[in-house]
Amino acid sequence: MGDVVEIAALAERVRAAPPRCGTTRLVCIDGPSGSGKTTLAARLATALGEPPVLHMDDIYPGWDGLAASVPLLYEQVVAPLAEGRPACYRRYDWHRGEFAEAHDLGLPELLVVEGAGCGARVIAERTVLMVWIEAPRDERFRRGIARDGETYRPHWERWARQEAVHFAAEGTARRADIRVDGAPSARHDPARELVLLPGQPALRA
């Protein structure tokens, strides 16, 4: 059973770190679909004072777009911020199957990005904190199908195959600053605490 850590302690670590993406402190939360990335991002953002949160779902160019999303995130958001330029990304419209309106991020002091792929090496080298969160496959699929409906199961399976290839090539989990249990059995307050995977140091430097 992993250690329980206060989300506020994570937020303090982020605030104390010198920015590595221009003047922006970049936080990335990666892991397979259904593991709890969006929920964790929202709770961490609350602890950080509500900085902008960028969801990779708004960048993926469709159900086959995991690999393509990494250069999109880098070119539209990370590279400009690293060079001191405002970031701006195009939202992908899943219903129309094309990119839609642009969203300006400016030059935020803090930026949280969540979604599979955001912890790729080219992105992670600019982060002040890279979080990996995982949960058992059956539980992740249960959550996803409960949210999206049974008709989306083939899409989830298709996406899971892309994730397996991507995470194996990138070694995302082993590079993370902290690794979080997305389906913990340890007693904790989900609103203010998270549970680390067994063997994970509380706050690895």
Protein backbone atom coordinates (compact mmCIF):
# COMPACT_ATOMS: atom_id res chain seq x y z
CA MET A 1 0.00 0.00 0.00
CA GLY A 2 1.41 3.38 -1.01
CA ASP A 3 1.93 6.51 1.05
CA VAL A 4 -0.77 9.17 1.34
CA VAL A 5 0.36 12.65 0.28
CA GLU A 6 -1.45 15.96 0.59
CA ILE A 7 -2.20 17.63 -2.74
CA ALA A 8 -1.28 20.93 -1.07
CA ALA A 9 2.27 19.60 -0.60
CA LEU A 10 2.46 18.94 -4.33
CA ALA A 11 1.25 22.46 -5.01
CA GLU A 12 3.92 23.90 -2.71
CA ARG A 13 6.58 21.93 -4.55
CA VAL A 14 5.37 23.37 -7.85
CA ARG A 15 5.36 26.94 -6.56
CA ALA A 16 8.86 26.58 -5.10
CA ALA A 17 10.38 25.24 -8.32
CA PRO A 18 12.09 27.60 -10.77
CA PRO A 19 10.22 27.71 -14.09
CA ARG A 20 11.65 25.54 -16.87
CA CYS A 21 9.35 26.58 -19.70
CA GLY A 22 10.24 30.22 -20.15
CA THR A 23 8.56 31.99 -17.24
CA THR A 24 5.91 29.26 -16.92
CA ARG A 25 5.88 26.49 -14.33
CA LEU A 26 4.55 23.58 -16.36
CA VAL A 27 2.89 20.59 -14.69
CA CYS A 28 1.98 17.47 -16.71
CA ILE A 29 -0.28 14.65 -15.56
CA ASP A 30 0.01 11.56 -17.75
CA GLY A 31 -1.28 8.00 -17.65
CA PRO A 32 -3.69 5.68 -19.44
CA SER A 33 -7.29 6.64 -20.14
CA GLY A 34 -9.67 6.27 -17.21
CA SER A 35 -6.94 6.43 -14.58
CA GLY A 36 -8.08 9.72 -13.04
CA LYS A 37 -5.94 12.36 -14.75
CA THR A 38 -8.71 14.90 -15.24
CA THR A 39 -9.88 14.65 -11.63
CA LEU A 40 -6.35 14.96 -10.27
CA ALA A 41 -5.64 17.92 -12.55
CA ALA A 42 -8.72 19.74 -11.27
CA ARG A 43 -7.80 19.13 -7.63
CA LEU A 44 -4.19 20.17 -8.13
CA ALA A 45 -5.30 23.28 -10.03
CA THR A 46 -7.54 24.22 -7.10
CA ALA A 47 -4.58 23.90 -4.74
CA LEU A 48 -2.49 26.05 -7.10
CA GLY A 49 -5.04 28.87 -7.23
CA GLU A 50 -6.86 27.88 -10.45
CA PRO A 51 -4.24 28.26 -13.20
CA PRO A 52 -5.30 27.28 -16.74
CA VAL A 53 -5.71 23.54 -17.32
CA LEU A 54 -5.14 22.21 -20.83
CA HIS A 55 -6.83 18.90 -21.62
CA MET A 56 -5.15 16.76 -24.25
CA ASP A 57 -8.66 15.74 -25.37
CA ASP A 58 -8.82 19.21 -26.95
CA ILE A 59 -5.65 18.55 -28.97
CA TYR A 60 -5.88 14.91 -30.09
CA PRO A 61 -6.81 14.86 -33.79
CA GLY A 62 -9.33 12.04 -33.39
CA TRP A 63 -9.24 8.45 -32.16
CA ASP A 64 -6.00 7.70 -33.97
CA GLY A 65 -4.30 10.91 -32.87
CA LEU A 66 -2.25 10.06 -29.80
CA ALA A 67 1.12 10.11 -31.57
CA ALA A 68 0.24 13.29 -33.47
CA SER A 69 -0.77 15.11 -30.29
CA VAL A 70 2.77 15.28 -28.87
CA PRO A 71 4.21 17.51 -31.62
CA LEU A 72 1.00 19.56 -31.59
CA LEU A 73 1.37 20.22 -27.87
CA TYR A 74 5.05 21.01 -28.25
CA GLU A 75 4.74 23.30 -31.27
CA GLN A 76 1.63 25.21 -30.17
CA VAL A 77 2.19 25.46 -26.41
CA VAL A 78 5.54 24.32 -25.01
CA ALA A 79 7.96 25.74 -27.59
CA PRO A 80 6.36 29.22 -27.65
CA LEU A 81 6.32 29.42 -23.84
CA ALA A 82 9.92 28.25 -23.66
CA GLU A 83 10.85 31.07 -26.05
CA GLY A 84 8.89 33.67 -24.09
CA ARG A 85 6.06 33.85 -26.61
CA PRO A 86 2.32 33.49 -25.87
CA ALA A 87 0.89 30.00 -26.38
CA CYS A 88 -2.18 29.31 -28.50
CA TYR A 89 -3.70 25.98 -29.55
CA ARG A 90 -6.49 24.90 -31.89
CA ARG A 91 -9.28 22.85 -30.32
CA TYR A 92 -10.15 19.64 -32.14
CA ASP A 93 -13.88 19.21 -32.78
CA TRP A 94 -14.53 15.49 -32.36
CA HIS A 95 -18.02 15.69 -33.85
CA ARG A 96 -16.94 17.48 -37.02
CA GLY A 97 -13.62 15.67 -37.28
CA GLU A 98 -11.56 18.83 -37.76
CA PHE A 99 -9.76 21.54 -35.85
CA ALA A 100 -11.94 24.44 -34.75
CA GLU A 101 -11.36 27.70 -32.90
CA ALA A 102 -8.08 28.87 -31.41
CA HIS A 103 -7.60 29.19 -27.65
CA ASP A 104 -5.08 31.71 -26.32
CA LEU A 105 -3.15 30.71 -23.22
CA GLY A 106 -0.93 33.76 -23.13
CA LEU A 107 2.11 33.52 -20.84
CA PRO A 108 0.70 31.92 -17.68
CA GLU A 109 2.79 31.71 -14.54
CA LEU A 110 1.44 28.18 -14.07
CA LEU A 111 -0.02 25.74 -16.58
CA VAL A 112 -1.39 22.26 -15.89
CA VAL A 113 -1.64 19.84 -18.81
CA GLU A 114 -3.44 16.53 -18.41
CA GLY A 115 -3.86 13.65 -20.79
CA ALA A 116 -2.10 10.66 -22.28
CA GLY A 117 1.04 11.76 -24.10
CA CYS A 118 1.72 15.01 -22.26
CA GLY A 119 4.60 13.40 -20.38
CA ALA A 120 6.56 12.60 -23.54
CA ARG A 121 10.27 13.33 -23.22
CA VAL A 122 10.20 16.44 -25.40
CA ILE A 123 7.52 17.93 -23.11
CA ALA A 124 8.70 16.59 -19.76
CA GLU A 125 12.11 18.25 -19.99
CA ARG A 126 10.27 21.57 -19.56
CA THR A 127 8.12 20.54 -16.58
CA VAL A 128 8.57 21.38 -12.92
CA LEU A 129 6.45 18.33 -12.03
CA MET A 130 5.50 15.31 -14.09
CA VAL A 131 2.90 13.01 -12.55
CA TRP A 132 2.01 9.49 -13.66
CA ILE A 133 -1.32 8.03 -12.56
CA GLU A 134 -2.53 4.52 -13.29
CA ALA A 135 -5.33 2.12 -12.41
CA PRO A 136 -6.15 -1.49 -13.36
CA ARG A 137 -7.33 -1.89 -16.97
CA ASP A 138 -10.73 -3.35 -16.01
CA GLU A 139 -11.45 -0.43 -13.70
CA ARG A 140 -10.33 2.12 -16.27
CA PHE A 141 -12.51 0.58 -18.96
CA ARG A 142 -15.45 0.41 -16.54
CA ARG A 143 -15.14 4.14 -15.90
CA GLY A 144 -14.79 4.97 -19.57
CA ILE A 145 -17.72 2.89 -20.74
CA ALA A 146 -19.88 4.23 -17.89
CA ARG A 147 -19.08 7.75 -19.10
CA ASP A 148 -19.14 7.27 -22.88
CA GLY A 149 -21.43 4.28 -23.40
CA GLU A 150 -20.90 0.71 -24.58
CA THR A 151 -20.80 1.79 -28.23
CA TYR A 152 -17.46 3.44 -27.52
CA ARG A 153 -15.75 0.21 -26.38
CA PRO A 154 -14.06 -0.38 -29.79
CA HIS A 155 -12.70 3.18 -29.65
CA TRP A 156 -11.37 2.63 -26.13
CA GLU A 157 -9.67 -0.59 -27.20
CA ARG A 158 -8.20 1.15 -30.24
CA TRP A 159 -6.93 3.98 -28.05
CA ALA A 160 -5.50 1.55 -25.49
CA ARG A 161 -3.35 -0.04 -28.19
CA GLN A 162 -1.91 3.37 -29.07
CA GLU A 163 -1.23 4.09 -25.40
CA ALA A 164 0.63 0.80 -24.96
CA VAL A 165 2.93 1.60 -27.88
CA HIS A 166 3.46 5.21 -26.80
CA PHE A 167 4.15 4.52 -23.11
CA ALA A 168 6.53 1.67 -23.93
CA ALA A 169 8.52 3.85 -26.33
CA GLU A 170 8.57 6.88 -24.02
CA GLY A 171 9.10 5.09 -20.69
CA THR A 172 6.71 7.62 -19.20
CA ALA A 173 5.96 5.90 -15.90
CA ARG A 174 9.58 5.37 -14.90
CA ARG A 175 10.47 8.99 -15.69
CA ALA A 176 7.69 10.53 -13.62
CA ASP A 177 8.52 12.63 -10.58
CA ILE A 178 5.70 10.91 -8.69
CA ARG A 179 3.51 7.92 -9.49
CA VAL A 180 -0.07 7.95 -8.22
CA ASP A 181 -2.54 5.12 -7.61
CA GLY A 182 -5.70 5.93 -9.55
CA ALA A 183 -7.75 3.25 -7.77
CA PRO A 184 -6.38 3.24 -4.24
CA SER A 185 -7.59 1.04 -1.40
CA ALA A 186 -5.81 3.12 1.26
CA ARG A 187 -8.00 5.36 3.36
CA HIS A 188 -7.64 8.99 2.34
CA ASP A 189 -9.58 12.15 1.61
CA PRO A 190 -9.75 12.33 -2.22
CA ALA A 191 -10.49 16.05 -2.13
CA ARG A 192 -7.15 16.90 -0.50
CA GLU A 193 -4.98 13.77 -0.62
CA LEU A 194 -3.64 11.26 -3.12
CA VAL A 195 -2.16 7.81 -2.73
CA LEU A 196 1.20 6.98 -4.25
CA LEU A 197 1.91 3.67 -5.91
CA PRO A 198 3.79 1.22 -3.65
CA GLY A 199 7.52 1.84 -3.53
CA GLN A 200 7.15 5.43 -4.71
CA PRO A 201 9.10 7.97 -2.61
CA ALA A 202 6.79 10.64 -1.27
CA LEU A 203 8.26 13.57 -3.20
CA ARG A 204 11.16 12.49 -5.36
CA ALA A 205 13.49 15.30 -6.38
